[in-house]
Amino acid sequence: MNVLQIMGELVNTTLVFSTALIFAAMGGIFSERSGVVNIGLEGLMISGAFASAVAAHAAEQAGMSGSAPWIGLVAAVIFGVLFSLIHAVATVTFKADQVVSGVVINFLAAGLTVYLVKLLFDGAGQTETLNAVFSKVSIPVLSSIPFLGEALFKAYPTTYLALILVVVTYYVLFHTPFGLRLRSVGEHPGAADTMGIRVARYRYIGVLISGAMAGLGGATITLTTTSNFSHNTISGQGFIALAAMIFGKWHPFGALGAAVFFGLAQAIRNFVQLFDFSKNIPMEFLYMLPYILTILVLAGAVGRAVAPSALGEPYDPSKR
């Protein structure tokens, strides 16, 4: 492979690793723009990865292999919404500490999915390997462009969907009445309530959308990269997505850039292993790279990133 081909492969692999982060980061934006901290992105991604693996496997067994990956995506959305509903009820209705609730979601998803996997697959630690997963799709004409074609226009359907979702998220949040109301309950819920906006309803919607998108992020990993689900399928991707959202200053395009940056870190980790000098580098250091970059980026970005004003604050109408 020449240098141009290597660079094209690196860009393409970056998009593969970025896709799940993009989905989860967009979901986190909806939740936190409404004023609800969502530390539970990791757990929501785990639930989506599990549901997609089980649903796609069931579809294969039923002879629907062609539709199995899409059925897996739908199942991931449903499971993500169900898990996020727990977070919404705890934080919005019962006004529980939002960080604690998110941590509980992470533990609940991690423990419950492993238990269900062992229950459904005769004690195995992972689901059966899927035969029907997504394949890369080439966009006619554009995929023939030298370098750019292989790098950008030959990708999984979920990657195209994630990029479209970024644009949709931006438009919905900043160019629709719904987006304005959602952001208002995250900035000043008291003022929003005075204007007749139902704070609890919009916070519920923000958290549930977050669950759906994070579930899609988890499903993306199962249906494109691993082809099965186990306890380490997600491996901290939800926390990296949370970091991407903060680094991107709760803005869709900012979060997209951060997700691509973290995806590049993971792609570089994989590419380094192709070269001889990597034999002198302990594998643990290579696998640490994305997480080290996450810590460094957050350490430099958090102080300059301004969160929604009412983020993390339960709203009590009686104290308006």
Protein backbone atom coordinates (compact mmCIF):
# COMPACT_ATOMS: atom_id res chain seq x y z
CA MET A 1 0.00 0.00 0.00
CA ASN A 2 1.27 3.49 -0.85
CA VAL A 3 0.99 6.49 1.45
CA LEU A 4 -2.22 7.73 -0.19
CA GLN A 5 -3.93 4.38 0.28
CA ILE A 6 -2.82 4.20 3.90
CA MET A 7 -4.19 7.69 4.56
CA GLY A 8 -7.46 6.78 2.86
CA GLU A 9 -7.79 3.65 4.99
CA LEU A 10 -6.99 5.66 8.11
CA VAL A 11 -9.72 8.20 7.35
CA ASN A 12 -12.21 5.44 6.58
CA THR A 13 -11.36 3.58 9.79
CA THR A 14 -11.69 6.84 11.72
CA LEU A 15 -15.26 7.18 10.46
CA VAL A 16 -16.01 3.61 11.52
CA PHE A 17 -14.84 4.26 15.08
CA SER A 18 -16.46 7.70 15.18
CA THR A 19 -19.95 6.56 14.20
CA ALA A 20 -20.99 5.13 17.57
CA LEU A 21 -19.56 8.18 19.35
CA ILE A 22 -21.51 10.53 17.07
CA PHE A 23 -24.81 8.79 17.82
CA ALA A 24 -24.24 8.82 21.58
CA ALA A 25 -22.93 12.40 21.64
CA MET A 26 -25.98 13.66 19.74
CA GLY A 27 -28.17 11.87 22.25
CA GLY A 28 -26.27 13.41 25.12
CA ILE A 29 -26.80 16.87 23.63
CA PHE A 30 -30.59 16.43 23.61
CA SER A 31 -30.61 15.33 27.24
CA GLU A 32 -28.22 17.93 28.59
CA ARG A 33 -29.65 20.78 26.53
CA SER A 34 -32.91 20.06 28.35
CA GLY A 35 -31.10 20.34 31.69
CA VAL A 36 -30.64 16.66 32.58
CA VAL A 37 -27.10 15.36 33.05
CA ASN A 38 -26.71 12.00 31.32
CA ILE A 39 -23.73 10.15 32.72
CA GLY A 40 -25.63 7.00 31.71
CA LEU A 41 -24.64 7.14 28.02
CA GLU A 42 -22.37 4.15 28.61
CA GLY A 43 -25.24 2.07 29.99
CA LEU A 44 -27.58 3.18 27.21
CA MET A 45 -25.01 2.12 24.61
CA ILE A 46 -24.62 -1.24 26.37
CA SER A 47 -28.38 -1.78 26.28
CA GLY A 48 -28.49 -0.92 22.57
CA ALA A 49 -25.57 -3.21 21.75
CA PHE A 50 -27.21 -6.08 23.63
CA ALA A 51 -30.67 -5.58 22.12
CA SER A 52 -29.32 -5.32 18.58
CA ALA A 53 -27.30 -8.53 18.94
CA VAL A 54 -30.22 -10.52 20.37
CA ALA A 55 -32.79 -9.14 17.92
CA ALA A 56 -30.55 -9.63 14.88
CA HIS A 57 -29.78 -13.18 16.00
CA ALA A 58 -33.49 -13.91 16.42
CA ALA A 59 -34.15 -12.49 12.95
CA GLU A 60 -31.46 -14.74 11.49
CA GLN A 61 -32.99 -17.76 13.18
CA ALA A 62 -36.37 -16.80 11.72
CA GLY A 63 -34.93 -16.68 8.21
CA MET A 64 -34.90 -12.88 7.92
CA SER A 65 -31.17 -12.45 7.48
CA GLY A 66 -31.57 -9.64 4.96
CA SER A 67 -33.49 -7.50 7.44
CA ALA A 68 -31.65 -8.65 10.58
CA PRO A 69 -29.30 -5.63 10.98
CA TRP A 70 -32.18 -3.19 10.60
CA ILE A 71 -34.28 -5.14 13.07
CA GLY A 72 -31.32 -4.95 15.42
CA LEU A 73 -31.26 -1.15 15.08
CA VAL A 74 -34.97 -0.89 15.90
CA ALA A 75 -34.52 -3.12 18.96
CA ALA A 76 -31.60 -0.96 20.09
CA VAL A 77 -33.75 2.17 19.92
CA ILE A 78 -36.51 0.51 21.96
CA PHE A 79 -34.11 -0.76 24.64
CA GLY A 80 -32.32 2.57 24.78
CA VAL A 81 -35.61 4.39 25.31
CA LEU A 82 -36.67 1.94 28.05
CA PHE A 83 -33.42 2.37 29.97
CA SER A 84 -33.48 6.15 29.55
CA LEU A 85 -37.07 6.17 30.84
CA ILE A 86 -35.73 4.92 34.18
CA HIS A 87 -33.31 7.85 34.23
CA ALA A 88 -36.07 10.30 33.28
CA VAL A 89 -38.47 9.07 35.97
CA ALA A 90 -35.76 9.21 38.63
CA THR A 91 -34.41 12.66 37.74
CA VAL A 92 -37.43 14.54 36.40
CA THR A 93 -40.33 13.08 38.37
CA PHE A 94 -38.59 12.17 41.62
CA LYS A 95 -35.83 14.79 41.30
CA ALA A 96 -33.06 12.34 42.19
CA ASP A 97 -29.43 13.34 41.81
CA GLN A 98 -28.82 13.18 38.07
CA VAL A 99 -25.22 12.00 38.29
CA VAL A 100 -26.08 9.21 40.72
CA SER A 101 -29.01 8.12 38.54
CA GLY A 102 -26.75 7.97 35.49
CA VAL A 103 -24.20 5.86 37.34
CA VAL A 104 -26.97 3.49 38.39
CA ILE A 105 -28.06 3.17 34.74
CA ASN A 106 -24.50 2.21 33.82
CA PHE A 107 -24.31 -0.51 36.47
CA LEU A 108 -27.82 -1.75 35.77
CA ALA A 109 -27.22 -2.07 32.04
CA ALA A 110 -23.84 -3.75 32.48
CA GLY A 111 -25.13 -6.31 35.00
CA LEU A 112 -28.54 -7.00 33.48
CA THR A 113 -27.32 -7.52 29.93
CA VAL A 114 -24.59 -9.97 30.97
CA TYR A 115 -27.16 -11.89 33.02
CA LEU A 116 -29.61 -12.00 30.10
CA VAL A 117 -26.89 -13.11 27.69
CA LYS A 118 -26.05 -16.07 29.92
CA LEU A 119 -29.74 -16.82 30.32
CA LEU A 120 -30.50 -16.71 26.59
CA PHE A 121 -27.32 -18.39 25.32
CA ASP A 122 -26.92 -21.33 27.69
CA GLY A 123 -24.47 -19.72 30.06
CA ALA A 124 -22.17 -18.34 27.37
CA GLY A 125 -20.42 -15.08 28.08
CA GLN A 126 -21.41 -13.60 24.74
CA THR A 127 -24.09 -13.84 22.08
CA GLU A 128 -23.60 -16.02 19.04
CA THR A 129 -21.66 -14.41 16.21
CA LEU A 130 -23.96 -12.73 13.70
CA ASN A 131 -23.73 -13.61 10.03
CA ALA A 132 -26.04 -10.82 8.92
CA VAL A 133 -24.33 -7.54 9.78
CA PHE A 134 -23.97 -4.31 7.87
CA SER A 135 -21.60 -4.16 4.93
CA LYS A 136 -19.97 -1.04 3.58
CA VAL A 137 -21.94 0.76 0.88
CA SER A 138 -20.28 2.67 -1.92
CA ILE A 139 -21.95 5.84 -3.18
CA PRO A 140 -22.06 5.71 -7.00
CA VAL A 141 -19.69 8.09 -8.79
CA LEU A 142 -18.42 9.66 -5.55
CA SER A 143 -16.74 6.43 -4.44
CA SER A 144 -14.65 6.52 -7.63
CA ILE A 145 -12.94 9.78 -6.69
CA PRO A 146 -9.24 9.11 -5.98
CA PHE A 147 -8.46 9.04 -2.23
CA LEU A 148 -11.74 10.72 -1.18
CA GLY A 149 -13.85 7.96 -2.68
CA GLU A 150 -12.33 5.18 -0.59
CA ALA A 151 -11.94 7.43 2.45
CA LEU A 152 -15.37 9.04 2.68
CA PHE A 153 -17.83 7.47 0.28
CA LYS A 154 -17.43 3.78 1.02
CA ALA A 155 -18.83 3.36 4.51
CA TYR A 156 -21.41 1.51 6.58
CA PRO A 157 -25.05 2.67 6.34
CA THR A 158 -24.88 3.61 10.01
CA THR A 159 -22.07 6.07 9.29
CA TYR A 160 -24.15 7.88 6.68
CA LEU A 161 -27.09 7.83 9.09
CA ALA A 162 -24.97 9.31 11.90
CA LEU A 163 -23.70 12.16 9.71
CA ILE A 164 -27.25 12.95 8.58
CA LEU A 165 -28.34 12.88 12.22
CA VAL A 166 -25.82 15.60 13.08
CA VAL A 167 -27.43 17.95 10.55
CA VAL A 168 -30.93 17.00 11.73
CA THR A 169 -29.95 17.58 15.37
CA TYR A 170 -28.56 21.01 14.55
CA TYR A 171 -31.67 22.00 12.60
CA VAL A 172 -34.08 20.71 15.25
CA LEU A 173 -32.29 22.39 18.16
CA PHE A 174 -31.59 25.76 16.56
CA HIS A 175 -34.20 26.23 13.85
CA THR A 176 -37.45 24.81 15.21
CA PRO A 177 -39.86 25.90 17.99
CA PHE A 178 -39.36 22.50 19.63
CA GLY A 179 -35.60 23.03 19.81
CA LEU A 180 -36.00 26.52 21.25
CA ARG A 181 -38.32 25.20 23.98
CA LEU A 182 -36.01 22.29 24.75
CA ARG A 183 -33.05 24.62 25.14
CA SER A 184 -35.08 27.06 27.22
CA VAL A 185 -35.88 24.45 29.88
CA GLY A 186 -32.18 23.71 30.12
CA GLU A 187 -31.19 27.36 30.44
CA HIS A 188 -33.96 28.84 32.57
CA PRO A 189 -36.77 26.41 33.41
CA GLY A 190 -38.56 28.95 35.61
CA ALA A 191 -38.87 31.45 32.76
CA ALA A 192 -39.88 28.67 30.37
CA ASP A 193 -42.58 27.52 32.78
CA THR A 194 -43.88 31.08 33.05
CA MET A 195 -44.26 31.12 29.26
CA GLY A 196 -46.40 27.98 29.41
CA ILE A 197 -43.70 25.50 28.40
CA ARG A 198 -44.05 22.21 30.27
CA VAL A 199 -40.58 21.72 31.70
CA ALA A 200 -41.05 18.12 32.79
CA ARG A 201 -42.46 17.08 29.41
CA TYR A 202 -39.53 18.55 27.47
CA ARG A 203 -36.99 17.07 29.85
CA TYR A 204 -38.60 13.67 29.44
CA ILE A 205 -38.46 14.04 25.68
CA GLY A 206 -34.80 15.09 25.79
CA VAL A 207 -33.80 12.11 27.93
CA LEU A 208 -35.80 9.62 25.84
CA ILE A 209 -34.28 10.92 22.59
CA SER A 210 -30.91 10.56 24.27
CA GLY A 211 -31.65 6.91 25.02
CA ALA A 212 -32.74 6.20 21.47
CA MET A 213 -29.61 7.72 19.94
CA ALA A 214 -27.20 6.18 22.43
CA GLY A 215 -28.89 2.83 21.80
CA LEU A 216 -28.16 3.29 18.09
CA GLY A 217 -24.55 4.01 18.98
CA GLY A 218 -24.25 0.74 20.86
CA ALA A 219 -25.96 -1.16 18.04
CA THR A 220 -23.51 0.30 15.55
CA ILE A 221 -20.59 -1.38 17.32
CA THR A 222 -22.36 -4.75 17.42
CA LEU A 223 -23.61 -4.64 13.82
CA THR A 224 -20.44 -3.37 12.14
CA THR A 225 -17.37 -4.12 14.26
CA THR A 226 -17.76 -6.98 16.74
CA SER A 227 -20.67 -9.02 15.25
CA ASN A 228 -21.68 -10.10 18.77
CA PHE A 229 -22.25 -8.75 22.27
CA SER A 230 -20.23 -9.42 25.40
CA HIS A 231 -19.42 -7.58 28.63
CA ASN A 232 -16.62 -5.60 26.97
CA THR A 233 -18.33 -4.66 23.69
CA ILE A 234 -18.71 -0.99 24.61
CA SER A 235 -15.60 -0.63 26.80
CA GLY A 236 -16.01 3.00 27.82
CA GLN A 237 -17.28 4.33 24.47
CA GLY A 238 -20.18 6.00 26.27
CA PHE A 239 -17.79 8.01 28.44
CA ILE A 240 -15.76 9.01 25.39
CA ALA A 241 -19.01 10.16 23.73
CA LEU A 242 -19.78 12.18 26.86
CA ALA A 243 -16.33 13.76 26.58
CA ALA A 244 -16.95 14.52 22.89
CA MET A 245 -20.19 16.28 23.79
CA ILE A 246 -18.47 18.43 26.43
CA PHE A 247 -15.44 19.12 24.22
CA GLY A 248 -17.88 20.09 21.46
CA LYS A 249 -19.56 22.56 23.86
CA TRP A 250 -22.97 20.89 23.61
CA HIS A 251 -23.18 21.81 19.91
CA PRO A 252 -23.86 19.14 17.24
CA PHE A 253 -21.03 20.15 14.92
CA GLY A 254 -18.61 20.65 17.78
CA ALA A 255 -19.47 17.20 19.11
CA LEU A 256 -19.03 15.77 15.60
CA GLY A 257 -15.52 17.18 15.40
CA ALA A 258 -14.65 15.83 18.83
CA ALA A 259 -16.09 12.39 18.01
CA VAL A 260 -13.99 12.25 14.83
CA PHE A 261 -10.93 13.25 16.86
CA PHE A 262 -11.49 10.42 19.34
CA GLY A 263 -12.28 8.06 16.46
CA LEU A 264 -8.93 9.00 14.92
CA ALA A 265 -7.20 8.09 18.18
CA GLN A 266 -8.74 4.61 18.02
CA ALA A 267 -7.93 4.26 14.33
CA ILE A 268 -4.30 5.20 14.94
CA ARG A 269 -4.15 2.57 17.68
CA ASN A 270 -5.17 -0.05 15.13
CA PHE A 271 -2.89 1.22 12.38
CA VAL A 272 0.20 1.39 14.60
CA GLN A 273 -0.09 -2.36 15.10
CA LEU A 274 0.53 -2.87 11.37
CA PHE A 275 4.08 -1.55 11.62
CA ASP A 276 7.11 -3.41 12.92
CA PHE A 277 8.08 -0.80 15.51
CA SER A 278 4.78 -1.48 17.35
CA LYS A 279 6.25 -4.80 18.52
CA ASN A 280 8.39 -2.80 20.94
CA ILE A 281 5.34 -1.03 22.39
CA PRO A 282 3.27 -2.87 25.01
CA MET A 283 -0.26 -3.51 23.72
CA GLU A 284 -1.68 -2.00 26.89
CA PHE A 285 -0.24 1.38 25.95
CA LEU A 286 -1.84 1.24 22.51
CA TYR A 287 -5.24 0.45 23.99
CA MET A 288 -4.82 3.24 26.54
CA LEU A 289 -4.32 5.88 23.82
CA PRO A 290 -7.98 6.89 23.23
CA TYR A 291 -8.66 7.17 26.95
CA ILE A 292 -5.50 9.16 27.66
CA LEU A 293 -6.47 11.60 24.91
CA THR A 294 -9.96 11.83 26.41
CA ILE A 295 -8.54 12.84 29.79
CA LEU A 296 -6.13 15.36 28.26
CA VAL A 297 -8.82 16.93 26.10
CA LEU A 298 -11.29 17.21 28.97
CA ALA A 299 -8.64 18.68 31.24
CA GLY A 300 -8.07 21.45 28.72
CA ALA A 301 -11.64 21.93 27.54
CA VAL A 302 -13.91 21.73 30.56
CA GLY A 303 -12.89 25.09 31.96
CA ARG A 304 -13.73 26.86 28.69
CA ALA A 305 -16.92 24.91 27.88
CA VAL A 306 -20.07 26.60 29.16
CA ALA A 307 -22.80 24.11 29.98
CA PRO A 308 -26.54 24.92 29.87
CA SER A 309 -27.27 27.14 32.87
CA ALA A 310 -29.77 24.80 34.57
CA LEU A 311 -27.88 21.59 33.80
CA GLY A 312 -28.11 19.18 36.71
CA GLU A 313 -30.70 21.23 38.61
CA PRO A 314 -34.07 19.54 39.31
CA TYR A 315 -36.97 21.91 38.65
CA ASP A 316 -39.62 22.41 41.31
CA PRO A 317 -42.55 24.57 40.06
CA SER A 318 -43.53 25.41 43.64
CA LYS A 319 -40.19 27.22 44.11
CA ARG A 320 -40.45 29.24 40.94
